[in-house]
Amino acid sequence: MHLGFLITTSPYTFQNMDHAIGLMEAALEKGHTCEMFLYMDGVIASSANIKPGQDRSIPLKMQALIEKGVRVTSCGVCCNYRGVKHADFQNGVKQAGLAALGRMINESDRVITLGF
């Protein structure tokens, strides 16, 4: 099964990114494939400049998912609005438009939206 995740909230304001990461880790262990589209404030999670200090490191967890084959795409327009530059992305994060979201929805067996 191919699972798509749409994340629309910032990584540390809500638990949505933590839930998505946990669900993807469990799905990958069961042999499923996953991908994630970061939209609205979710694009903040694509930045390698996040320094959580003693808090959990969402960038490290996302990097581990990317290394396991999870495709992560960040909305380019949303990045522009929030000042998230492509040069600051974590390794493996791609930037695209809403057509990439449409492709993810079309290719996924299930889509889980975590946001507002």
PDB file of N, CA and C in Angstrom:
ATOM      1  N   MET A   1       0.849  -1.178   0.000  1.00  0.00           N
ATOM      2  CA  MET A   1       0.000   0.000   0.000  1.00  0.00           C
ATOM      3  C   MET A   1       0.892   1.239   0.000  1.00  0.00           C
ATOM      4  N   HIS A   2       0.488   2.241  -0.753  1.00  0.00           N
ATOM      5  CA  HIS A   2       1.214   3.509  -0.807  1.00  0.00           C
ATOM      6  C   HIS A   2       0.400   4.554  -0.051  1.00  0.00           C
ATOM      7  N   LEU A   3       1.029   5.144   0.985  1.00  0.00           N
ATOM      8  CA  LEU A   3       0.360   6.140   1.815  1.00  0.00           C
ATOM      9  C   LEU A   3       0.925   7.524   1.540  1.00  0.00           C
ATOM     10  N   GLY A   4       0.041   8.490   1.363  1.00  0.00           N
ATOM     11  CA  GLY A   4       0.435   9.875   1.196  1.00  0.00           C
ATOM     12  C   GLY A   4       0.070  10.657   2.443  1.00  0.00           C
ATOM     13  N   PHE A   5       0.950  11.551   2.846  1.00  0.00           N
ATOM     14  CA  PHE A   5       0.724  12.384   4.024  1.00  0.00           C
ATOM     15  C   PHE A   5       0.795  13.845   3.616  1.00  0.00           C
ATOM     16  N   LEU A   6      -0.248  14.592   3.946  1.00  0.00           N
ATOM     17  CA  LEU A   6      -0.298  16.031   3.702  1.00  0.00           C
ATOM     18  C   LEU A   6      -0.197  16.715   5.065  1.00  0.00           C
ATOM     19  N   ILE A   7       0.865  17.486   5.264  1.00  0.00           N
ATOM     20  CA  ILE A   7       1.098  18.167   6.540  1.00  0.00           C
ATOM     21  C   ILE A   7       0.973  19.670   6.302  1.00  0.00           C
ATOM     22  N   THR A   8       0.091  20.333   7.074  1.00  0.00           N
ATOM     23  CA  THR A   8      -0.153  21.759   6.855  1.00  0.00           C
ATOM     24  C   THR A   8       0.225  22.638   8.044  1.00  0.00           C
ATOM     25  N   THR A   9       0.719  22.044   9.118  1.00  0.00           N
ATOM     26  CA  THR A   9       1.033  22.830  10.313  1.00  0.00           C
ATOM     27  C   THR A   9       2.534  22.800  10.595  1.00  0.00           C
ATOM     28  N   SER A  10       3.004  23.803  11.317  1.00  0.00           N
ATOM     29  CA  SER A  10       4.433  23.901  11.613  1.00  0.00           C
ATOM     30  C   SER A  10       4.865  22.738  12.517  1.00  0.00           C
ATOM     31  N   PRO A  11       6.139  22.363  12.437  1.00  0.00           N
ATOM     32  CA  PRO A  11       6.581  21.127  13.082  1.00  0.00           C
ATOM     33  C   PRO A  11       6.565  21.128  14.603  1.00  0.00           C
ATOM     34  N   TYR A  12       6.705  22.257  15.246  1.00  0.00           N
ATOM     35  CA  TYR A  12       6.774  22.257  16.708  1.00  0.00           C
ATOM     36  C   TYR A  12       5.584  22.928  17.383  1.00  0.00           C
ATOM     37  N   THR A  13       4.680  23.503  16.624  1.00  0.00           N
ATOM     38  CA  THR A  13       3.502  24.130  17.207  1.00  0.00           C
ATOM     39  C   THR A  13       2.424  23.108  17.510  1.00  0.00           C
ATOM     40  N   PHE A  14       2.337  22.088  16.667  1.00  0.00           N
ATOM     41  CA  PHE A  14       1.353  21.026  16.822  1.00  0.00           C
ATOM     42  C   PHE A  14       2.072  19.677  16.784  1.00  0.00           C
ATOM     43  N   GLN A  15       1.384  18.614  17.123  1.00  0.00           N
ATOM     44  CA  GLN A  15       1.960  17.266  17.118  1.00  0.00           C
ATOM     45  C   GLN A  15       1.783  16.557  15.780  1.00  0.00           C
ATOM     46  N   ASN A  16       1.255  17.257  14.787  1.00  0.00           N
ATOM     47  CA  ASN A  16       0.946  16.612  13.511  1.00  0.00           C
ATOM     48  C   ASN A  16       2.164  15.975  12.851  1.00  0.00           C
ATOM     49  N   MET A  17       3.293  16.657  12.841  1.00  0.00           N
ATOM     50  CA  MET A  17       4.491  16.092  12.223  1.00  0.00           C
ATOM     51  C   MET A  17       4.959  14.858  12.990  1.00  0.00           C
ATOM     52  N   ASP A  18       4.895  14.912  14.316  1.00  0.00           N
ATOM     53  CA  ASP A  18       5.276  13.746  15.122  1.00  0.00           C
ATOM     54  C   ASP A  18       4.391  12.545  14.803  1.00  0.00           C
ATOM     55  N   HIS A  19       3.085  12.782  14.676  1.00  0.00           N
ATOM     56  CA  HIS A  19       2.161  11.692  14.345  1.00  0.00           C
ATOM     57  C   HIS A  19       2.453  11.138  12.951  1.00  0.00           C
ATOM     58  N   ALA A  20       2.696  12.018  12.002  1.00  0.00           N
ATOM     59  CA  ALA A  20       2.997  11.575  10.636  1.00  0.00           C
ATOM     60  C   ALA A  20       4.265  10.731  10.606  1.00  0.00           C
ATOM     61  N   ILE A  21       5.293  11.186  11.301  1.00  0.00           N
ATOM     62  CA  ILE A  21       6.552  10.442  11.336  1.00  0.00           C
ATOM     63  C   ILE A  21       6.337   9.063  11.953  1.00  0.00           C
ATOM     64  N   GLY A  22       5.618   9.011  13.051  1.00  0.00           N
ATOM     65  CA  GLY A  22       5.338   7.730  13.705  1.00  0.00           C
ATOM     66  C   GLY A  22       4.547   6.787  12.816  1.00  0.00           C
ATOM     67  N   LEU A  23       3.534   7.316  12.145  1.00  0.00           N
ATOM     68  CA  LEU A  23       2.727   6.485  11.241  1.00  0.00           C
ATOM     69  C   LEU A  23       3.558   5.983  10.062  1.00  0.00           C
ATOM     70  N   MET A  24       4.404   6.849   9.522  1.00  0.00           N
ATOM     71  CA  MET A  24       5.239   6.429   8.393  1.00  0.00           C
ATOM     72  C   MET A  24       6.256   5.376   8.819  1.00  0.00           C
ATOM     73  N   GLU A  25       6.862   5.548   9.992  1.00  0.00           N
ATOM     74  CA  GLU A  25       7.811   4.546  10.483  1.00  0.00           C
ATOM     75  C   GLU A  25       7.131   3.189  10.626  1.00  0.00           C
ATOM     76  N   ALA A  26       5.924   3.181  11.182  1.00  0.00           N
ATOM     77  CA  ALA A  26       5.185   1.922  11.346  1.00  0.00           C
ATOM     78  C   ALA A  26       4.808   1.321   9.996  1.00  0.00           C
ATOM     79  N   ALA A  27       4.375   2.157   9.065  1.00  0.00           N
ATOM     80  CA  ALA A  27       3.991   1.668   7.735  1.00  0.00           C
ATOM     81  C   ALA A  27       5.192   1.085   7.001  1.00  0.00           C
ATOM     82  N   LEU A  28       6.338   1.758   7.090  1.00  0.00           N
ATOM     83  CA  LEU A  28       7.540   1.264   6.427  1.00  0.00           C
ATOM     84  C   LEU A  28       7.959  -0.093   7.000  1.00  0.00           C
ATOM     85  N   GLU A  29       7.832  -0.249   8.322  1.00  0.00           N
ATOM     86  CA  GLU A  29       8.163  -1.531   8.952  1.00  0.00           C
ATOM     87  C   GLU A  29       7.278  -2.660   8.442  1.00  0.00           C
ATOM     88  N   LYS A  30       6.055  -2.335   8.048  1.00  0.00           N
ATOM     89  CA  LYS A  30       5.112  -3.334   7.526  1.00  0.00           C
ATOM     90  C   LYS A  30       5.272  -3.543   6.026  1.00  0.00           C
ATOM     91  N   GLY A  31       6.218  -2.836   5.403  1.00  0.00           N
ATOM     92  CA  GLY A  31       6.481  -3.015   3.982  1.00  0.00           C
ATOM     93  C   GLY A  31       5.727  -2.090   3.049  1.00  0.00           C
ATOM     94  N   HIS A  32       5.044  -1.099   3.594  1.00  0.00           N
ATOM     95  CA  HIS A  32       4.324  -0.127   2.774  1.00  0.00           C
ATOM     96  C   HIS A  32       5.281   0.973   2.317  1.00  0.00           C
ATOM     97  N   THR A  33       4.859   1.757   1.350  1.00  0.00           N
ATOM     98  CA  THR A  33       5.626   2.918   0.919  1.00  0.00           C
ATOM     99  C   THR A  33       4.877   4.179   1.332  1.00  0.00           C
ATOM    100  N   CYS A  34       5.632   5.256   1.524  1.00  0.00           N
ATOM    101  CA  CYS A  34       5.034   6.508   1.993  1.00  0.00           C
ATOM    102  C   CYS A  34       5.669   7.695   1.282  1.00  0.00           C
ATOM    103  N   GLU A  35       4.919   8.771   1.230  1.00  0.00           N
ATOM    104  CA  GLU A  35       5.470  10.047   0.811  1.00  0.00           C
ATOM    105  C   GLU A  35       4.745  11.155   1.548  1.00  0.00           C
ATOM    106  N   MET A  36       5.375  12.331   1.585  1.00  0.00           N
ATOM    107  CA  MET A  36       4.845  13.447   2.354  1.00  0.00           C
ATOM    108  C   MET A  36       4.878  14.712   1.509  1.00  0.00           C
ATOM    109  N   PHE A  37       3.801  15.480   1.569  1.00  0.00           N
ATOM    110  CA  PHE A  37       3.749  16.793   0.938  1.00  0.00           C
ATOM    111  C   PHE A  37       3.579  17.814   2.047  1.00  0.00           C
ATOM    112  N   LEU A  38       4.501  18.769   2.117  1.00  0.00           N
ATOM    113  CA  LEU A  38       4.465  19.829   3.116  1.00  0.00           C
ATOM    114  C   LEU A  38       3.813  21.057   2.491  1.00  0.00           C
ATOM    115  N   TYR A  39       2.766  21.550   3.146  1.00  0.00           N
ATOM    116  CA  TYR A  39       1.958  22.630   2.600  1.00  0.00           C
ATOM    117  C   TYR A  39       1.694  23.646   3.705  1.00  0.00           C
ATOM    118  N   MET A  40       1.406  24.879   3.344  1.00  0.00           N
ATOM    119  CA  MET A  40       1.166  25.965   4.293  1.00  0.00           C
ATOM    120  C   MET A  40       2.338  26.019   5.281  1.00  0.00           C
ATOM    121  N   ASP A  41       2.075  26.076   6.599  1.00  0.00           N
ATOM    122  CA  ASP A  41       3.161  26.152   7.575  1.00  0.00           C
ATOM    123  C   ASP A  41       3.957  24.853   7.690  1.00  0.00           C
ATOM    124  N   GLY A  42       3.472  23.783   7.101  1.00  0.00           N
ATOM    125  CA  GLY A  42       4.202  22.518   7.111  1.00  0.00           C
ATOM    126  C   GLY A  42       5.551  22.619   6.435  1.00  0.00           C
ATOM    127  N   VAL A  43       5.703  23.586   5.508  1.00  0.00           N
ATOM    128  CA  VAL A  43       6.975  23.722   4.782  1.00  0.00           C
ATOM    129  C   VAL A  43       8.135  24.081   5.702  1.00  0.00           C
ATOM    130  N   ILE A  44       7.848  24.617   6.861  1.00  0.00           N
ATOM    131  CA  ILE A  44       8.915  24.968   7.803  1.00  0.00           C
ATOM    132  C   ILE A  44       9.728  23.725   8.168  1.00  0.00           C
ATOM    133  N   ALA A  45       9.093  22.571   8.181  1.00  0.00           N
ATOM    134  CA  ALA A  45       9.779  21.330   8.520  1.00  0.00           C
ATOM    135  C   ALA A  45      10.828  20.929   7.484  1.00  0.00           C
ATOM    136  N   SER A  46      10.789  21.510   6.294  1.00  0.00           N
ATOM    137  CA  SER A  46      11.770  21.164   5.265  1.00  0.00           C
ATOM    138  C   SER A  46      13.128  21.816   5.509  1.00  0.00           C
ATOM    139  N   SER A  47      13.198  22.773   6.411  1.00  0.00           N
ATOM    140  CA  SER A  47      14.430  23.512   6.658  1.00  0.00           C
ATOM    141  C   SER A  47      15.436  22.710   7.480  1.00  0.00           C
ATOM    142  N   ALA A  48      16.670  22.721   7.039  1.00  0.00           N
ATOM    143  CA  ALA A  48      17.760  22.103   7.794  1.00  0.00           C
ATOM    144  C   ALA A  48      18.254  23.031   8.899  1.00  0.00           C
ATOM    145  N   ASN A  49      17.721  24.253   8.948  1.00  0.00           N
ATOM    146  CA  ASN A  49      18.165  25.233   9.938  1.00  0.00           C
ATOM    147  C   ASN A  49      17.425  25.133  11.270  1.00  0.00           C
ATOM    148  N   ILE A  50      16.507  24.197  11.402  1.00  0.00           N
ATOM    149  CA  ILE A  50      15.783  24.026  12.660  1.00  0.00           C
ATOM    150  C   ILE A  50      16.753  23.460  13.690  1.00  0.00           C
ATOM    151  N   LYS A  51      16.880  24.133  14.812  1.00  0.00           N
ATOM    152  CA  LYS A  51      17.777  23.715  15.895  1.00  0.00           C
ATOM    153  C   LYS A  51      16.950  23.513  17.165  1.00  0.00           C
ATOM    154  N   PRO A  52      16.447  22.311  17.400  1.00  0.00           N
ATOM    155  CA  PRO A  52      15.521  22.098  18.506  1.00  0.00           C
ATOM    156  C   PRO A  52      16.165  22.042  19.893  1.00  0.00           C
ATOM    157  N   GLY A  53      17.485  22.088  19.977  1.00  0.00           N
ATOM    158  CA  GLY A  53      18.135  22.030  21.286  1.00  0.00           C
ATOM    159  C   GLY A  53      17.882  20.695  21.959  1.00  0.00           C
ATOM    160  N   GLN A  54      17.332  20.722  23.159  1.00  0.00           N
ATOM    161  CA  GLN A  54      17.073  19.493  23.918  1.00  0.00           C
ATOM    162  C   GLN A  54      15.775  18.805  23.512  1.00  0.00           C
ATOM    163  N   ASP A  55      14.966  19.479  22.706  1.00  0.00           N
ATOM    164  CA  ASP A  55      13.690  18.914  22.259  1.00  0.00           C
ATOM    165  C   ASP A  55      13.944  17.847  21.191  1.00  0.00           C
ATOM    166  N   ARG A  56      12.928  17.074  20.876  1.00  0.00           N
ATOM    167  CA  ARG A  56      13.052  16.056  19.830  1.00  0.00           C
ATOM    168  C   ARG A  56      13.468  16.730  18.514  1.00  0.00           C
ATOM    169  N   SER A  57      14.220  16.005  17.709  1.00  0.00           N
ATOM    170  CA  SER A  57      14.725  16.579  16.463  1.00  0.00           C
ATOM    171  C   SER A  57      13.907  16.063  15.283  1.00  0.00           C
ATOM    172  N   ILE A  58      12.929  16.840  14.890  1.00  0.00           N
ATOM    173  CA  ILE A  58      12.125  16.480  13.728  1.00  0.00           C
ATOM    174  C   ILE A  58      12.986  16.431  12.467  1.00  0.00           C
ATOM    175  N   PRO A  59      13.946  17.359  12.273  1.00  0.00           N
ATOM    176  CA  PRO A  59      14.793  17.242  11.086  1.00  0.00           C
ATOM    177  C   PRO A  59      15.540  15.909  11.003  1.00  0.00           C
ATOM    178  N   LEU A  60      16.058  15.412  12.118  1.00  0.00           N
ATOM    179  CA  LEU A  60      16.758  14.121  12.096  1.00  0.00           C
ATOM    180  C   LEU A  60      15.795  12.973  11.789  1.00  0.00           C
ATOM    181  N   LYS A  61      14.601  13.040  12.350  1.00  0.00           N
ATOM    182  CA  LYS A  61      13.609  11.993  12.087  1.00  0.00           C
ATOM    183  C   LYS A  61      13.169  12.017  10.627  1.00  0.00           C
ATOM    184  N   MET A  62      12.996  13.222  10.070  1.00  0.00           N
ATOM    185  CA  MET A  62      12.625  13.320   8.656  1.00  0.00           C
ATOM    186  C   MET A  62      13.744  12.806   7.766  1.00  0.00           C
ATOM    187  N   GLN A  63      14.994  13.129   8.118  1.00  0.00           N
ATOM    188  CA  GLN A  63      16.129  12.662   7.323  1.00  0.00           C
ATOM    189  C   GLN A  63      16.192  11.140   7.318  1.00  0.00           C
ATOM    190  N   ALA A  64      15.901  10.524   8.454  1.00  0.00           N
ATOM    191  CA  ALA A  64      15.887   9.063   8.530  1.00  0.00           C
ATOM    192  C   ALA A  64      14.812   8.486   7.611  1.00  0.00           C
ATOM    193  N   LEU A  65      13.651   9.130   7.537  1.00  0.00           N
ATOM    194  CA  LEU A  65      12.587   8.669   6.632  1.00  0.00           C
ATOM    195  C   LEU A  65      13.014   8.811   5.172  1.00  0.00           C
ATOM    196  N   ILE A  66      13.643   9.926   4.847  1.00  0.00           N
ATOM    197  CA  ILE A  66      14.106  10.147   3.472  1.00  0.00           C
ATOM    198  C   ILE A  66      15.105   9.063   3.087  1.00  0.00           C
ATOM    199  N   GLU A  67      15.995   8.718   4.013  1.00  0.00           N
ATOM    200  CA  GLU A  67      16.984   7.674   3.749  1.00  0.00           C
ATOM    201  C   GLU A  67      16.339   6.304   3.559  1.00  0.00           C
ATOM    202  N   LYS A  68      15.123   6.129   4.101  1.00  0.00           N
ATOM    203  CA  LYS A  68      14.385   4.871   3.923  1.00  0.00           C
ATOM    204  C   LYS A  68      13.520   4.891   2.671  1.00  0.00           C
ATOM    205  N   GLY A  69      13.609   5.974   1.884  1.00  0.00           N
ATOM    206  CA  GLY A  69      12.892   6.042   0.622  1.00  0.00           C
ATOM    207  C   GLY A  69      11.633   6.871   0.602  1.00  0.00           C
ATOM    208  N   VAL A  70      11.324   7.572   1.683  1.00  0.00           N
ATOM    209  CA  VAL A  70      10.132   8.421   1.715  1.00  0.00           C
ATOM    210  C   VAL A  70      10.414   9.677   0.895  1.00  0.00           C
ATOM    211  N   ARG A  71       9.536   9.953  -0.063  1.00  0.00           N
ATOM    212  CA  ARG A  71       9.653  11.170  -0.871  1.00  0.00           C
ATOM    213  C   ARG A  71       9.009  12.317  -0.101  1.00  0.00           C
ATOM    214  N   VAL A  72       9.774  13.388   0.087  1.00  0.00           N
ATOM    215  CA  VAL A  72       9.262  14.565   0.793  1.00  0.00           C
ATOM    216  C   VAL A  72       9.304  15.744  -0.169  1.00  0.00           C
ATOM    217  N   THR A  73       8.136  16.359  -0.376  1.00  0.00           N
ATOM    218  CA  THR A  73       8.013  17.502  -1.280  1.00  0.00           C
ATOM    219  C   THR A  73       7.452  18.680  -0.501  1.00  0.00           C
ATOM    220  N   SER A  74       8.038  19.849  -0.715  1.00  0.00           N
ATOM    221  CA  SER A  74       7.613  21.063  -0.048  1.00  0.00           C
ATOM    222  C   SER A  74       7.033  22.023  -1.085  1.00  0.00           C
ATOM    223  N   CYS A  75       5.891  22.616  -0.793  1.00  0.00           N
ATOM    224  CA  CYS A  75       5.223  23.534  -1.713  1.00  0.00           C
ATOM    225  C   CYS A  75       6.071  24.789  -1.914  1.00  0.00           C
ATOM    226  N   GLY A  76       6.446  25.070  -3.153  1.00  0.00           N
ATOM    227  CA  GLY A  76       7.296  26.207  -3.468  1.00  0.00           C
ATOM    228  C   GLY A  76       6.669  27.551  -3.127  1.00  0.00           C
ATOM    229  N   VAL A  77       5.396  27.732  -3.427  1.00  0.00           N
ATOM    230  CA  VAL A  77       4.719  29.004  -3.132  1.00  0.00           C
ATOM    231  C   VAL A  77       4.665  29.227  -1.622  1.00  0.00           C
ATOM    232  N   CYS A  78       4.359  28.182  -0.884  1.00  0.00           N
ATOM    233  CA  CYS A  78       4.293  28.286   0.579  1.00  0.00           C
ATOM    234  C   CYS A  78       5.671  28.613   1.154  1.00  0.00           C
ATOM    235  N   CYS A  79       6.718  28.029   0.574  1.00  0.00           N
ATOM    236  CA  CYS A  79       8.086  28.340   1.007  1.00  0.00           C
ATOM    237  C   CYS A  79       8.401  29.809   0.782  1.00  0.00           C
ATOM    238  N   ASN A  80       8.032  30.330  -0.391  1.00  0.00           N
ATOM    239  CA  ASN A  80       8.285  31.746  -0.685  1.00  0.00           C
ATOM    240  C   ASN A  80       7.598  32.657   0.324  1.00  0.00           C
ATOM    241  N   TYR A  81       6.340  32.357   0.655  1.00  0.00           N
ATOM    242  CA  TYR A  81       5.591  33.171   1.600  1.00  0.00           C
ATOM    243  C   TYR A  81       6.230  33.168   2.984  1.00  0.00           C
ATOM    244  N   ARG A  82       6.861  32.053   3.350  1.00  0.00           N
ATOM    245  CA  ARG A  82       7.404  31.888   4.702  1.00  0.00           C
ATOM    246  C   ARG A  82       8.913  32.083   4.782  1.00  0.00           C
ATOM    247  N   GLY A  83       9.529  32.428   3.663  1.00  0.00           N
ATOM    248  CA  GLY A  83      10.956  32.690   3.662  1.00  0.00           C
ATOM    249  C   GLY A  83      11.823  31.454   3.806  1.00  0.00           C
ATOM    250  N   VAL A  84      11.278  30.290   3.471  1.00  0.00           N
ATOM    251  CA  VAL A  84      12.053  29.051   3.517  1.00  0.00           C
ATOM    252  C   VAL A  84      12.699  28.869   2.156  1.00  0.00           C
ATOM    253  N   LYS A  85      14.019  28.966   2.123  1.00  0.00           N
ATOM    254  CA  LYS A  85      14.752  28.904   0.859  1.00  0.00           C
ATOM    255  C   LYS A  85      15.125  27.467   0.511  1.00  0.00           C
ATOM    256  N   HIS A  86      15.061  27.156  -0.774  1.00  0.00           N
ATOM    257  CA  HIS A  86      15.413  25.805  -1.248  1.00  0.00           C
ATOM    258  C   HIS A  86      16.841  25.448  -0.850  1.00  0.00           C
ATOM    259  N   ALA A  87      17.732  26.419  -0.827  1.00  0.00           N
ATOM    260  CA  ALA A  87      19.131  26.164  -0.454  1.00  0.00           C
ATOM    261  C   ALA A  87      19.260  25.695   0.991  1.00  0.00           C
ATOM    262  N   ASP A  88      18.246  25.978   1.821  1.00  0.00           N
ATOM    263  CA  ASP A  88      18.281  25.595   3.234  1.00  0.00           C
ATOM    264  C   ASP A  88      17.549  24.278   3.512  1.00  0.00           C
ATOM    265  N   PHE A  89      17.044  23.625   2.463  1.00  0.00           N
ATOM    266  CA  PHE A  89      16.303  22.377   2.656  1.00  0.00           C
ATOM    267  C   PHE A  89      17.208  21.275   3.193  1.00  0.00           C
ATOM    268  N   GLN A  90      16.592  20.362   3.903  1.00  0.00           N
ATOM    269  CA  GLN A  90      17.278  19.137   4.291  1.00  0.00           C
ATOM    270  C   GLN A  90      17.601  18.353   3.024  1.00  0.00           C
ATOM    271  N   ASN A  91      18.649  17.552   3.067  1.00  0.00           N
ATOM    272  CA  ASN A  91      19.002  16.718   1.927  1.00  0.00           C
ATOM    273  C   ASN A  91      17.841  15.813   1.544  1.00  0.00           C
ATOM    274  N   GLY A  92      17.516  15.804   0.276  1.00  0.00           N
ATOM    275  CA  GLY A  92      16.468  14.916  -0.222  1.00  0.00           C
ATOM    276  C   GLY A  92      15.092  15.526  -0.321  1.00  0.00           C
ATOM    277  N   VAL A  93      14.870  16.694   0.265  1.00  0.00           N
ATOM    278  CA  VAL A  93      13.565  17.352   0.168  1.00  0.00           C
ATOM    279  C   VAL A  93      13.495  18.061  -1.178  1.00  0.00           C
ATOM    280  N   LYS A  94      12.408  17.855  -1.889  1.00  0.00           N
ATOM    281  CA  LYS A  94      12.191  18.493  -3.186  1.00  0.00           C
ATOM    282  C   LYS A  94      11.203  19.636  -3.037  1.00  0.00           C
ATOM    283  N   GLN A  95      11.260  20.571  -3.967  1.00  0.00           N
ATOM    284  CA  GLN A  95      10.318  21.679  -4.000  1.00  0.00           C
ATOM    285  C   GLN A  95       9.487  21.556  -5.266  1.00  0.00           C
ATOM    286  N   ALA A  96       8.173  21.723  -5.145  1.00  0.00           N
ATOM    287  CA  ALA A  96       7.283  21.612  -6.298  1.00  0.00           C
ATOM    288  C   ALA A  96       5.997  22.386  -6.018  1.00  0.00           C
ATOM    289  N   GLY A  97       5.136  22.399  -7.001  1.00  0.00           N
ATOM    290  CA  GLY A  97       3.853  23.078  -6.868  1.00  0.00           C
ATOM    291  C   GLY A  97       2.730  22.117  -6.516  1.00  0.00           C
ATOM    292  N   LEU A  98       1.525  22.619  -6.621  1.00  0.00           N
ATOM    293  CA  LEU A  98       0.364  21.813  -6.247  1.00  0.00           C
ATOM    294  C   LEU A  98       0.118  20.636  -7.179  1.00  0.00           C
ATOM    295  N   ALA A  99       0.709  20.665  -8.365  1.00  0.00           N
ATOM    296  CA  ALA A  99       0.584  19.502  -9.247  1.00  0.00           C
ATOM    297  C   ALA A  99       1.210  18.274  -8.594  1.00  0.00           C
ATOM    298  N   ALA A 100       2.281  18.486  -7.825  1.00  0.00           N
ATOM    299  CA  ALA A 100       2.921  17.368  -7.116  1.00  0.00           C
ATOM    300  C   ALA A 100       1.997  16.822  -6.031  1.00  0.00           C
ATOM    301  N   LEU A 101       1.228  17.690  -5.393  1.00  0.00           N
ATOM    302  CA  LEU A 101       0.239  17.226  -4.420  1.00  0.00           C
ATOM    303  C   LEU A 101      -0.831  16.402  -5.119  1.00  0.00           C
ATOM    304  N   GLY A 102      -1.294  16.879  -6.263  1.00  0.00           N
ATOM    305  CA  GLY A 102      -2.280  16.121  -7.031  1.00  0.00           C
ATOM    306  C   GLY A 102      -1.764  14.761  -7.448  1.00  0.00           C
ATOM    307  N   ARG A 103      -0.495  14.702  -7.862  1.00  0.00           N
ATOM    308  CA  ARG A 103       0.108  13.426  -8.235  1.00  0.00           C
ATOM    309  C   ARG A 103       0.156  12.484  -7.042  1.00  0.00           C
ATOM    310  N   MET A 104       0.564  13.028  -5.856  1.00  0.00           N
ATOM    311  CA  MET A 104       0.627  12.203  -4.659  1.00  0.00           C
ATOM    312  C   MET A 104      -0.753  11.632  -4.319  1.00  0.00           C
ATOM    313  N   ILE A 105      -1.764  12.474  -4.380  1.00  0.00           N
ATOM    314  CA  ILE A 105      -3.124  12.017  -4.074  1.00  0.00           C
ATOM    315  C   ILE A 105      -3.555  10.944  -5.061  1.00  0.00           C
ATOM    316  N   ASN A 106      -3.267  11.159  -6.332  1.00  0.00           N
ATOM    317  CA  ASN A 106      -3.656  10.205  -7.370  1.00  0.00           C
ATOM    318  C   ASN A 106      -2.943   8.863  -7.221  1.00  0.00           C
ATOM    319  N   GLU A 107      -1.671   8.889  -6.829  1.00  0.00           N
ATOM    320  CA  GLU A 107      -0.875   7.667  -6.754  1.00  0.00           C
ATOM    321  C   GLU A 107      -0.995   6.942  -5.416  1.00  0.00           C
ATOM    322  N   SER A 108      -1.555   7.584  -4.413  1.00  0.00           N
ATOM    323  CA  SER A 108      -1.647   6.975  -3.086  1.00  0.00           C
ATOM    324  C   SER A 108      -2.914   6.143  -2.950  1.00  0.00           C
ATOM    325  N   ASP A 109      -2.787   5.043  -2.214  1.00  0.00           N
ATOM    326  CA  ASP A 109      -3.964   4.243  -1.885  1.00  0.00           C
ATOM    327  C   ASP A 109      -4.796   4.935  -0.808  1.00  0.00           C
ATOM    328  N   ARG A 110      -4.113   5.608   0.097  1.00  0.00           N
ATOM    329  CA  ARG A 110      -4.766   6.388   1.150  1.00  0.00           C
ATOM    330  C   ARG A 110      -3.968   7.667   1.351  1.00  0.00           C
ATOM    331  N   VAL A 111      -4.671   8.759   1.659  1.00  0.00           N
ATOM    332  CA  VAL A 111      -4.017  10.031   1.982  1.00  0.00           C
ATOM    333  C   VAL A 111      -4.468  10.455   3.364  1.00  0.00           C
ATOM    334  N   ILE A 112      -3.500  10.753   4.195  1.00  0.00           N
ATOM    335  CA  ILE A 112      -3.768  11.206   5.562  1.00  0.00           C
ATOM    336  C   ILE A 112      -3.379  12.672   5.637  1.00  0.00           C
ATOM    337  N   THR A 113      -4.337  13.515   6.006  1.00  0.00           N
ATOM    338  CA  THR A 113      -4.080  14.942   6.147  1.00  0.00           C
ATOM    339  C   THR A 113      -4.003  15.288   7.618  1.00  0.00           C
ATOM    340  N   LEU A 114      -2.902  15.908   8.001  1.00  0.00           N
ATOM    341  CA  LEU A 114      -2.724  16.350   9.383  1.00  0.00           C
ATOM    342  C   LEU A 114      -2.527  17.852   9.338  1.00  0.00           C
ATOM    343  N   GLY A 115      -3.524  18.584   9.816  1.00  0.00           N
ATOM    344  CA  GLY A 115      -3.476  20.025   9.762  1.00  0.00           C
ATOM    345  C   GLY A 115      -4.702  20.636  10.388  1.00  0.00           C
ATOM    346  N   PHE A 116      -5.054  21.794   9.895  1.00  0.00           N
ATOM    347  CA  PHE A 116      -6.195  22.527  10.442  1.00  0.00           C
ATOM    348  C   PHE A 116      -7.495  21.924  10.001  1.00  0.00           C
TER     349      PHE A 116
END
